[in-house]
């Protein structure tokens, strides 16, 4: 495989999103921040949420410094109380929710033989609750308002297995199934539901000792590099926009071709 190509900044714009309200969960770091930044550039009004108040408030302040209208709500979205707090704050401030992005997730998991009851709840059940809780509230609201868009952030792990992440992968597969079910049930109410499934994504600056192991991972990706949080944000914006008006119930793999291949480079079967 040739030299890794650095990604270019995403210049796509979706004017029809301007002035609309988006709730984005998991916006204290990583992909969630990339999604929020991209939606902010579309002039959306943002309601941000994560468990870490310090990191979340700092991120919201950085967006406001670039003239993005947003505010942050600290909440544990794995609880009904947390989901209700975020939903109530969004409606109180902006009156409606046009887009829900369910990005928050508990990434840690364990191999199947170590996945006892407590660890199962921490991985699989927590991830499902963080998607279901807000979706339930927002979907009912969107029915009353005449429509909207919901985008779940899934993973390539919902289609292909990671080593040692049984609970996490199972939760993402369940989220993919929920995406299809919600899309079918909510279509008559003019609500579209899709998912974005990121592959390997560079979400932080690599420490020197991480560079080589990370490079080995990118060697197995057809496009030869990791994705960026901005690219995940662009995919979300596309699915939320009028450009995707006839797309619902789909999982969009933003993975550099990772899930398209049978085997990684250098292995012939």
C-alpha atoms as a PDB file:
ATOM      1  CA  UNK A   1       0.000   0.000   0.000  1.00  0.00           C
ATOM      2  CA  UNK A   2       1.268   3.500  -0.819  1.00  0.00           C
ATOM      3  CA  UNK A   3       1.912   6.412   1.486  1.00  0.00           C
ATOM      4  CA  UNK A   4      -1.000   7.493   3.638  1.00  0.00           C
ATOM      5  CA  UNK A   5      -2.780  10.534   2.206  1.00  0.00           C
ATOM      6  CA  UNK A   6      -3.761  13.271   4.634  1.00  0.00           C
ATOM      7  CA  UNK A   7      -7.498  14.031   4.491  1.00  0.00           C
ATOM      8  CA  UNK A   8      -8.608  17.360   3.097  1.00  0.00           C
ATOM      9  CA  UNK A   9     -10.968  19.599   4.995  1.00  0.00           C
ATOM     10  CA  UNK A  10     -14.598  18.892   4.104  1.00  0.00           C
ATOM     11  CA  UNK A  11     -16.017  21.887   2.248  1.00  0.00           C
ATOM     12  CA  UNK A  12     -19.568  20.607   1.675  1.00  0.00           C
ATOM     13  CA  UNK A  13     -22.398  22.811   2.909  1.00  0.00           C
ATOM     14  CA  UNK A  14     -26.087  22.100   3.474  1.00  0.00           C
ATOM     15  CA  UNK A  15     -27.925  25.448   3.509  1.00  0.00           C
ATOM     16  CA  UNK A  16     -31.306  23.932   4.373  1.00  0.00           C
ATOM     17  CA  UNK A  17     -29.992  23.050   7.859  1.00  0.00           C
ATOM     18  CA  UNK A  18     -29.399  26.705   8.800  1.00  0.00           C
ATOM     19  CA  UNK A  19     -31.538  27.873  11.703  1.00  0.00           C
ATOM     20  CA  UNK A  20     -32.682  24.387  12.639  1.00  0.00           C
ATOM     21  CA  UNK A  21     -32.070  22.826  16.053  1.00  0.00           C
ATOM     22  CA  UNK A  22     -29.910  19.754  16.619  1.00  0.00           C
ATOM     23  CA  UNK A  23     -29.357  17.780  19.805  1.00  0.00           C
ATOM     24  CA  UNK A  24     -25.979  16.023  19.748  1.00  0.00           C
ATOM     25  CA  UNK A  25     -24.959  13.656  22.531  1.00  0.00           C
ATOM     26  CA  UNK A  26     -21.431  12.645  23.524  1.00  0.00           C
ATOM     27  CA  UNK A  27     -19.897  16.048  22.806  1.00  0.00           C
ATOM     28  CA  UNK A  28     -17.060  16.128  25.308  1.00  0.00           C
ATOM     29  CA  UNK A  29     -14.495  14.677  22.876  1.00  0.00           C
ATOM     30  CA  UNK A  30     -13.851  12.796  19.654  1.00  0.00           C
ATOM     31  CA  UNK A  31     -16.469  12.137  17.002  1.00  0.00           C
ATOM     32  CA  UNK A  32     -19.209  13.959  18.894  1.00  0.00           C
ATOM     33  CA  UNK A  33     -17.205  17.176  18.826  1.00  0.00           C
ATOM     34  CA  UNK A  34     -16.486  16.742  15.111  1.00  0.00           C
ATOM     35  CA  UNK A  35     -20.193  16.309  14.410  1.00  0.00           C
ATOM     36  CA  UNK A  36     -21.106  19.374  16.459  1.00  0.00           C
ATOM     37  CA  UNK A  37     -18.443  21.509  14.785  1.00  0.00           C
ATOM     38  CA  UNK A  38     -19.653  20.529  11.314  1.00  0.00           C
ATOM     39  CA  UNK A  39     -23.308  21.146  12.142  1.00  0.00           C
ATOM     40  CA  UNK A  40     -22.341  24.452  13.698  1.00  0.00           C
ATOM     41  CA  UNK A  41     -20.753  25.480  10.408  1.00  0.00           C
ATOM     42  CA  UNK A  42     -24.131  24.807   8.801  1.00  0.00           C
ATOM     43  CA  UNK A  43     -25.526  27.485  11.151  1.00  0.00           C
ATOM     44  CA  UNK A  44     -27.593  25.033  13.157  1.00  0.00           C
ATOM     45  CA  UNK A  45     -28.524  25.787  16.761  1.00  0.00           C
ATOM     46  CA  UNK A  46     -26.954  23.105  18.930  1.00  0.00           C
ATOM     47  CA  UNK A  47     -27.875  21.449  22.203  1.00  0.00           C
ATOM     48  CA  UNK A  48     -24.806  19.545  23.370  1.00  0.00           C
ATOM     49  CA  UNK A  49     -24.645  16.882  26.039  1.00  0.00           C
ATOM     50  CA  UNK A  50     -22.182  14.559  27.762  1.00  0.00           C
ATOM     51  CA  UNK A  51     -21.459  13.295  31.259  1.00  0.00           C
ATOM     52  CA  UNK A  52     -18.332  15.412  31.703  1.00  0.00           C
ATOM     53  CA  UNK A  53     -19.496  18.922  32.557  1.00  0.00           C
ATOM     54  CA  UNK A  54     -16.006  20.408  32.518  1.00  0.00           C
ATOM     55  CA  UNK A  55     -15.031  19.080  29.085  1.00  0.00           C
ATOM     56  CA  UNK A  56     -18.485  19.695  27.632  1.00  0.00           C
ATOM     57  CA  UNK A  57     -18.733  23.285  28.813  1.00  0.00           C
ATOM     58  CA  UNK A  58     -15.237  24.007  27.510  1.00  0.00           C
ATOM     59  CA  UNK A  59     -16.136  22.624  24.104  1.00  0.00           C
ATOM     60  CA  UNK A  60     -19.384  24.587  23.961  1.00  0.00           C
ATOM     61  CA  UNK A  61     -17.468  27.757  24.820  1.00  0.00           C
ATOM     62  CA  UNK A  62     -15.037  27.081  21.977  1.00  0.00           C
ATOM     63  CA  UNK A  63     -17.946  26.782  19.538  1.00  0.00           C
ATOM     64  CA  UNK A  64     -19.570  29.972  20.774  1.00  0.00           C
ATOM     65  CA  UNK A  65     -16.240  31.722  20.169  1.00  0.00           C
ATOM     66  CA  UNK A  66     -16.724  30.909  16.468  1.00  0.00           C
ATOM     67  CA  UNK A  67     -20.281  32.325  16.508  1.00  0.00           C
ATOM     68  CA  UNK A  68     -22.045  28.971  16.793  1.00  0.00           C
ATOM     69  CA  UNK A  69     -25.276  29.219  18.784  1.00  0.00           C
ATOM     70  CA  UNK A  70     -25.155  26.410  21.323  1.00  0.00           C
ATOM     71  CA  UNK A  71     -25.368  25.414  24.956  1.00  0.00           C
ATOM     72  CA  UNK A  72     -24.329  22.372  26.973  1.00  0.00           C
ATOM     73  CA  UNK A  73     -26.309  20.122  29.312  1.00  0.00           C
ATOM     74  CA  UNK A  74     -24.439  17.701  31.584  1.00  0.00           C
ATOM     75  CA  UNK A  75     -26.381  14.434  31.786  1.00  0.00           C
ATOM     76  CA  UNK A  76     -26.035  10.671  31.975  1.00  0.00           C
ATOM     77  CA  UNK A  77     -28.098   9.643  28.977  1.00  0.00           C
ATOM     78  CA  UNK A  78     -28.157   6.025  30.089  1.00  0.00           C
ATOM     79  CA  UNK A  79     -30.781   7.098  32.644  1.00  0.00           C
ATOM     80  CA  UNK A  80     -34.340   8.263  31.945  1.00  0.00           C
ATOM     81  CA  UNK A  81     -33.706  11.328  34.091  1.00  0.00           C
ATOM     82  CA  UNK A  82     -30.670  12.322  32.033  1.00  0.00           C
ATOM     83  CA  UNK A  83     -32.503  11.961  28.727  1.00  0.00           C
ATOM     84  CA  UNK A  84     -35.442  13.973  30.036  1.00  0.00           C
ATOM     85  CA  UNK A  85     -33.127  16.742  31.256  1.00  0.00           C
ATOM     86  CA  UNK A  86     -31.546  17.185  27.830  1.00  0.00           C
ATOM     87  CA  UNK A  87     -34.845  17.034  25.973  1.00  0.00           C
ATOM     88  CA  UNK A  88     -36.550  19.509  28.292  1.00  0.00           C
ATOM     89  CA  UNK A  89     -33.632  21.947  28.017  1.00  0.00           C
ATOM     90  CA  UNK A  90     -33.705  21.794  24.207  1.00  0.00           C
ATOM     91  CA  UNK A  91     -37.439  22.463  23.958  1.00  0.00           C
ATOM     92  CA  UNK A  92     -37.326  25.182  26.614  1.00  0.00           C
ATOM     93  CA  UNK A  93     -34.578  27.068  24.754  1.00  0.00           C
ATOM     94  CA  UNK A  94     -35.502  26.527  21.110  1.00  0.00           C
ATOM     95  CA  UNK A  95     -39.072  25.223  21.073  1.00  0.00           C
ATOM     96  CA  UNK A  96     -38.383  22.239  18.855  1.00  0.00           C
ATOM     97  CA  UNK A  97     -35.831  19.589  17.874  1.00  0.00           C
ATOM     98  CA  UNK A  98     -35.273  19.103  14.141  1.00  0.00           C
ATOM     99  CA  UNK A  99     -32.324  16.708  14.343  1.00  0.00           C
ATOM    100  CA  UNK A 100     -31.227  14.230  16.999  1.00  0.00           C
ATOM    101  CA  UNK A 101     -27.734  12.758  16.774  1.00  0.00           C
ATOM    102  CA  UNK A 102     -27.278   9.845  19.178  1.00  0.00           C
ATOM    103  CA  UNK A 103     -23.494   9.731  19.426  1.00  0.00           C
ATOM    104  CA  UNK A 104     -22.883   9.024  23.128  1.00  0.00           C
ATOM    105  CA  UNK A 105     -21.509   5.540  23.767  1.00  0.00           C
ATOM    106  CA  UNK A 106     -19.618   3.498  26.306  1.00  0.00           C
ATOM    107  CA  UNK A 107     -16.678   2.264  24.233  1.00  0.00           C
ATOM    108  CA  UNK A 108     -15.097  -0.129  26.720  1.00  0.00           C
ATOM    109  CA  UNK A 109     -16.055  -3.778  26.500  1.00  0.00           C
ATOM    110  CA  UNK A 110     -14.682  -7.232  27.216  1.00  0.00           C
ATOM    111  CA  UNK A 111     -14.281 -10.616  25.480  1.00  0.00           C
ATOM    112  CA  UNK A 112     -17.315 -12.867  25.681  1.00  0.00           C
ATOM    113  CA  UNK A 113     -15.870 -15.185  28.335  1.00  0.00           C
ATOM    114  CA  UNK A 114     -15.255 -12.190  30.602  1.00  0.00           C
ATOM    115  CA  UNK A 115     -18.591 -10.517  29.889  1.00  0.00           C
ATOM    116  CA  UNK A 116     -20.356 -11.197  33.174  1.00  0.00           C
ATOM    117  CA  UNK A 117     -23.667  -9.631  34.187  1.00  0.00           C
ATOM    118  CA  UNK A 118     -22.154  -6.380  35.436  1.00  0.00           C
ATOM    119  CA  UNK A 119     -19.932  -5.909  32.392  1.00  0.00           C
ATOM    120  CA  UNK A 120     -22.823  -6.743  30.079  1.00  0.00           C
ATOM    121  CA  UNK A 121     -24.882  -3.974  31.608  1.00  0.00           C
ATOM    122  CA  UNK A 122     -21.942  -1.573  31.406  1.00  0.00           C
ATOM    123  CA  UNK A 123     -21.377  -2.201  27.699  1.00  0.00           C
ATOM    124  CA  UNK A 124     -24.400  -3.512  25.792  1.00  0.00           C
ATOM    125  CA  UNK A 125     -27.253  -2.220  27.939  1.00  0.00           C
ATOM    126  CA  UNK A 126     -25.718   1.199  28.613  1.00  0.00           C
ATOM    127  CA  UNK A 127     -25.126   1.847  24.917  1.00  0.00           C
ATOM    128  CA  UNK A 128     -28.666   0.880  24.006  1.00  0.00           C
ATOM    129  CA  UNK A 129     -30.185   3.042  26.716  1.00  0.00           C
ATOM    130  CA  UNK A 130     -28.207   6.086  25.589  1.00  0.00           C
ATOM    131  CA  UNK A 131     -29.798   5.751  22.153  1.00  0.00           C
ATOM    132  CA  UNK A 132     -33.277   4.661  23.184  1.00  0.00           C
ATOM    133  CA  UNK A 133     -33.908   7.245  25.919  1.00  0.00           C
ATOM    134  CA  UNK A 134     -33.531  10.382  23.839  1.00  0.00           C
ATOM    135  CA  UNK A 135     -34.981   8.750  20.717  1.00  0.00           C
ATOM    136  CA  UNK A 136     -38.210   7.918  22.547  1.00  0.00           C
ATOM    137  CA  UNK A 137     -38.687  11.485  23.746  1.00  0.00           C
ATOM    138  CA  UNK A 138     -37.610  13.209  20.544  1.00  0.00           C
ATOM    139  CA  UNK A 139     -39.581  10.923  18.214  1.00  0.00           C
ATOM    140  CA  UNK A 140     -42.820  11.694  20.049  1.00  0.00           C
ATOM    141  CA  UNK A 141     -41.984  15.391  19.873  1.00  0.00           C
ATOM    142  CA  UNK A 142     -41.217  15.194  16.146  1.00  0.00           C
ATOM    143  CA  UNK A 143     -44.553  13.479  15.505  1.00  0.00           C
ATOM    144  CA  UNK A 144     -46.288  16.451  17.123  1.00  0.00           C
ATOM    145  CA  UNK A 145     -44.174  18.934  15.147  1.00  0.00           C
ATOM    146  CA  UNK A 146     -44.733  17.239  11.798  1.00  0.00           C
ATOM    147  CA  UNK A 147     -41.369  15.609  11.140  1.00  0.00           C
ATOM    148  CA  UNK A 148     -37.631  15.570  11.728  1.00  0.00           C
ATOM    149  CA  UNK A 149     -34.490  13.519  11.370  1.00  0.00           C
ATOM    150  CA  UNK A 150     -32.694  11.113  13.713  1.00  0.00           C
ATOM    151  CA  UNK A 151     -29.162   9.832  13.119  1.00  0.00           C
ATOM    152  CA  UNK A 152     -27.616   7.156  15.316  1.00  0.00           C
ATOM    153  CA  UNK A 153     -23.848   6.760  15.443  1.00  0.00           C
ATOM    154  CA  UNK A 154     -23.187   3.065  15.062  1.00  0.00           C
ATOM    155  CA  UNK A 155     -19.870   1.373  14.208  1.00  0.00           C
ATOM    156  CA  UNK A 156     -18.311  -1.034  11.761  1.00  0.00           C
ATOM    157  CA  UNK A 157     -18.495  -3.348  14.781  1.00  0.00           C
ATOM    158  CA  UNK A 158     -22.217  -3.688  14.156  1.00  0.00           C
ATOM    159  CA  UNK A 159     -21.404  -5.517  10.907  1.00  0.00           C
ATOM    160  CA  UNK A 160     -17.940  -7.036  11.485  1.00  0.00           C
ATOM    161  CA  UNK A 161     -16.514  -8.230  14.805  1.00  0.00           C
ATOM    162  CA  UNK A 162     -13.760  -6.522  16.770  1.00  0.00           C
ATOM    163  CA  UNK A 163     -11.558  -8.782  18.865  1.00  0.00           C
ATOM    164  CA  UNK A 164     -12.559  -8.635  22.510  1.00  0.00           C
ATOM    165  CA  UNK A 165     -15.496  -6.216  22.193  1.00  0.00           C
ATOM    166  CA  UNK A 166     -18.482  -8.547  22.359  1.00  0.00           C
ATOM    167  CA  UNK A 167     -20.768  -6.256  24.361  1.00  0.00           C
ATOM    168  CA  UNK A 168     -19.898  -3.157  22.331  1.00  0.00           C
ATOM    169  CA  UNK A 169     -20.303  -4.873  18.962  1.00  0.00           C
ATOM    170  CA  UNK A 170     -23.592  -6.440  20.038  1.00  0.00           C
ATOM    171  CA  UNK A 171     -24.922  -3.030  21.070  1.00  0.00           C
ATOM    172  CA  UNK A 172     -23.991  -1.519  17.710  1.00  0.00           C
ATOM    173  CA  UNK A 173     -25.680  -4.381  15.858  1.00  0.00           C
ATOM    174  CA  UNK A 174     -28.784  -3.736  17.950  1.00  0.00           C
ATOM    175  CA  UNK A 175     -28.600  -0.025  17.118  1.00  0.00           C
ATOM    176  CA  UNK A 176     -28.515  -0.904  13.405  1.00  0.00           C
ATOM    177  CA  UNK A 177     -31.642  -3.020  13.863  1.00  0.00           C
ATOM    178  CA  UNK A 178     -33.308  -0.229  15.846  1.00  0.00           C
ATOM    179  CA  UNK A 179     -32.477   2.195  13.030  1.00  0.00           C
ATOM    180  CA  UNK A 180     -34.422   0.097  10.535  1.00  0.00           C
ATOM    181  CA  UNK A 181     -37.355  -0.470  12.878  1.00  0.00           C
ATOM    182  CA  UNK A 182     -37.644   3.199  13.790  1.00  0.00           C
ATOM    183  CA  UNK A 183     -37.390   4.232  10.154  1.00  0.00           C
ATOM    184  CA  UNK A 184     -40.290   2.012   9.137  1.00  0.00           C
ATOM    185  CA  UNK A 185     -42.511   3.023  12.051  1.00  0.00           C
ATOM    186  CA  UNK A 186     -41.797   6.747  11.864  1.00  0.00           C
ATOM    187  CA  UNK A 187     -41.847   7.218   8.076  1.00  0.00           C
ATOM    188  CA  UNK A 188     -45.604   7.977   8.013  1.00  0.00           C
ATOM    189  CA  UNK A 189     -44.869  10.872  10.387  1.00  0.00           C
ATOM    190  CA  UNK A 190     -42.241  12.384   8.044  1.00  0.00           C
ATOM    191  CA  UNK A 191     -39.397  11.362  10.324  1.00  0.00           C
ATOM    192  CA  UNK A 192     -36.322   9.837   8.714  1.00  0.00           C
ATOM    193  CA  UNK A 193     -33.988   7.607  10.753  1.00  0.00           C
ATOM    194  CA  UNK A 194     -30.522   6.543   9.611  1.00  0.00           C
ATOM    195  CA  UNK A 195     -27.188   5.586  11.113  1.00  0.00           C
ATOM    196  CA  UNK A 196     -23.562   6.469  10.445  1.00  0.00           C
ATOM    197  CA  UNK A 197     -21.069   3.666  11.119  1.00  0.00           C
ATOM    198  CA  UNK A 198     -17.537   5.042  11.510  1.00  0.00           C
ATOM    199  CA  UNK A 199     -14.483   2.927  10.932  1.00  0.00           C
ATOM    200  CA  UNK A 200     -11.090   3.718  12.432  1.00  0.00           C
ATOM    201  CA  UNK A 201     -11.169   7.429  13.277  1.00  0.00           C
ATOM    202  CA  UNK A 202      -8.343   9.646  14.494  1.00  0.00           C
ATOM    203  CA  UNK A 203      -9.931  11.447  17.422  1.00  0.00           C
ATOM    204  CA  UNK A 204      -6.860  12.721  19.267  1.00  0.00           C
ATOM    205  CA  UNK A 205      -3.197  13.544  18.819  1.00  0.00           C
ATOM    206  CA  UNK A 206      -1.164  10.351  18.868  1.00  0.00           C
ATOM    207  CA  UNK A 207       1.493   9.859  21.509  1.00  0.00           C
ATOM    208  CA  UNK A 208       4.853   8.801  20.048  1.00  0.00           C
ATOM    209  CA  UNK A 209       4.394   5.217  21.251  1.00  0.00           C
ATOM    210  CA  UNK A 210       0.999   5.005  19.549  1.00  0.00           C
ATOM    211  CA  UNK A 211       2.134   6.067  16.076  1.00  0.00           C
ATOM    212  CA  UNK A 212       3.434   2.708  14.830  1.00  0.00           C
ATOM    213  CA  UNK A 213       0.522   0.577  16.149  1.00  0.00           C
ATOM    214  CA  UNK A 214      -1.912   3.065  14.642  1.00  0.00           C
ATOM    215  CA  UNK A 215      -0.066   2.949  11.313  1.00  0.00           C
ATOM    216  CA  UNK A 216      -0.427  -0.840  11.268  1.00  0.00           C
ATOM    217  CA  UNK A 217      -4.187  -0.430  11.631  1.00  0.00           C
ATOM    218  CA  UNK A 218      -4.408   2.021   8.746  1.00  0.00           C
ATOM    219  CA  UNK A 219      -2.407  -0.357   6.535  1.00  0.00           C
ATOM    220  CA  UNK A 220      -5.459  -2.633   6.467  1.00  0.00           C
ATOM    221  CA  UNK A 221      -7.804   0.110   5.239  1.00  0.00           C
ATOM    222  CA  UNK A 222      -8.269   0.350   1.440  1.00  0.00           C
ATOM    223  CA  UNK A 223      -8.007   4.160   1.442  1.00  0.00           C
ATOM    224  CA  UNK A 224      -4.846   3.877   3.514  1.00  0.00           C
ATOM    225  CA  UNK A 225      -5.739   6.189   6.379  1.00  0.00           C
ATOM    226  CA  UNK A 226      -8.039   6.733   9.331  1.00  0.00           C
ATOM    227  CA  UNK A 227     -11.113   8.897   9.094  1.00  0.00           C
ATOM    228  CA  UNK A 228     -11.595  12.201  10.875  1.00  0.00           C
ATOM    229  CA  UNK A 229     -14.361  13.434  13.180  1.00  0.00           C
ATOM    230  CA  UNK A 230     -15.101  16.121  10.587  1.00  0.00           C
ATOM    231  CA  UNK A 231     -15.810  13.444   7.961  1.00  0.00           C
ATOM    232  CA  UNK A 232     -18.264  11.774  10.339  1.00  0.00           C
ATOM    233  CA  UNK A 233     -19.912  15.158  10.845  1.00  0.00           C
ATOM    234  CA  UNK A 234     -20.245  15.618   7.095  1.00  0.00           C
ATOM    235  CA  UNK A 235     -21.993  12.253   6.794  1.00  0.00           C
ATOM    236  CA  UNK A 236     -24.423  13.202   9.567  1.00  0.00           C
ATOM    237  CA  UNK A 237     -25.147  16.571   7.948  1.00  0.00           C
ATOM    238  CA  UNK A 238     -25.809  14.911   4.599  1.00  0.00           C
ATOM    239  CA  UNK A 239     -28.284  12.452   6.123  1.00  0.00           C
ATOM    240  CA  UNK A 240     -30.012  15.286   7.984  1.00  0.00           C
ATOM    241  CA  UNK A 241     -30.283  17.480   4.894  1.00  0.00           C
ATOM    242  CA  UNK A 242     -32.770  17.695   2.050  1.00  0.00           C
ATOM    243  CA  UNK A 243     -30.150  16.022  -0.144  1.00  0.00           C
ATOM    244  CA  UNK A 244     -31.032  12.767   1.640  1.00  0.00           C
ATOM    245  CA  UNK A 245     -34.795  13.287   1.598  1.00  0.00           C
ATOM    246  CA  UNK A 246     -35.431   9.803   0.137  1.00  0.00           C
ATOM    247  CA  UNK A 247     -33.020   7.952   2.433  1.00  0.00           C
ATOM    248  CA  UNK A 248     -34.260   6.271   5.592  1.00  0.00           C
ATOM    249  CA  UNK A 249     -33.521   3.052   7.467  1.00  0.00           C
ATOM    250  CA  UNK A 250     -29.949   2.893   6.189  1.00  0.00           C
ATOM    251  CA  UNK A 251     -26.547   2.418   7.810  1.00  0.00           C
ATOM    252  CA  UNK A 252     -23.890   4.518   6.073  1.00  0.00           C
ATOM    253  CA  UNK A 253     -20.397   3.046   6.539  1.00  0.00           C
ATOM    254  CA  UNK A 254     -17.810   5.826   6.691  1.00  0.00           C
ATOM    255  CA  UNK A 255     -14.808   3.545   6.941  1.00  0.00           C
ATOM    256  CA  UNK A 256     -12.414   4.033   4.021  1.00  0.00           C
ATOM    257  CA  UNK A 257     -13.591   0.764   2.477  1.00  0.00           C
ATOM    258  CA  UNK A 258     -12.802  -1.353   5.542  1.00  0.00           C
ATOM    259  CA  UNK A 259     -16.022  -3.374   5.571  1.00  0.00           C
ATOM    260  CA  UNK A 260     -16.065  -3.789   1.786  1.00  0.00           C
ATOM    261  CA  UNK A 261     -13.044  -6.099   1.728  1.00  0.00           C
ATOM    262  CA  UNK A 262     -12.969  -9.814   2.518  1.00  0.00           C
ATOM    263  CA  UNK A 263      -9.423  -9.821   3.848  1.00  0.00           C
ATOM    264  CA  UNK A 264      -6.794  -7.131   4.556  1.00  0.00           C
ATOM    265  CA  UNK A 265      -3.941  -6.514   2.116  1.00  0.00           C
ATOM    266  CA  UNK A 266      -1.287  -9.243   1.957  1.00  0.00           C
ATOM    267  CA  UNK A 267      -3.618 -12.099   2.892  1.00  0.00           C
ATOM    268  CA  UNK A 268      -4.875 -14.275   0.062  1.00  0.00           C
ATOM    269  CA  UNK A 269      -7.561 -16.908   0.535  1.00  0.00           C
END
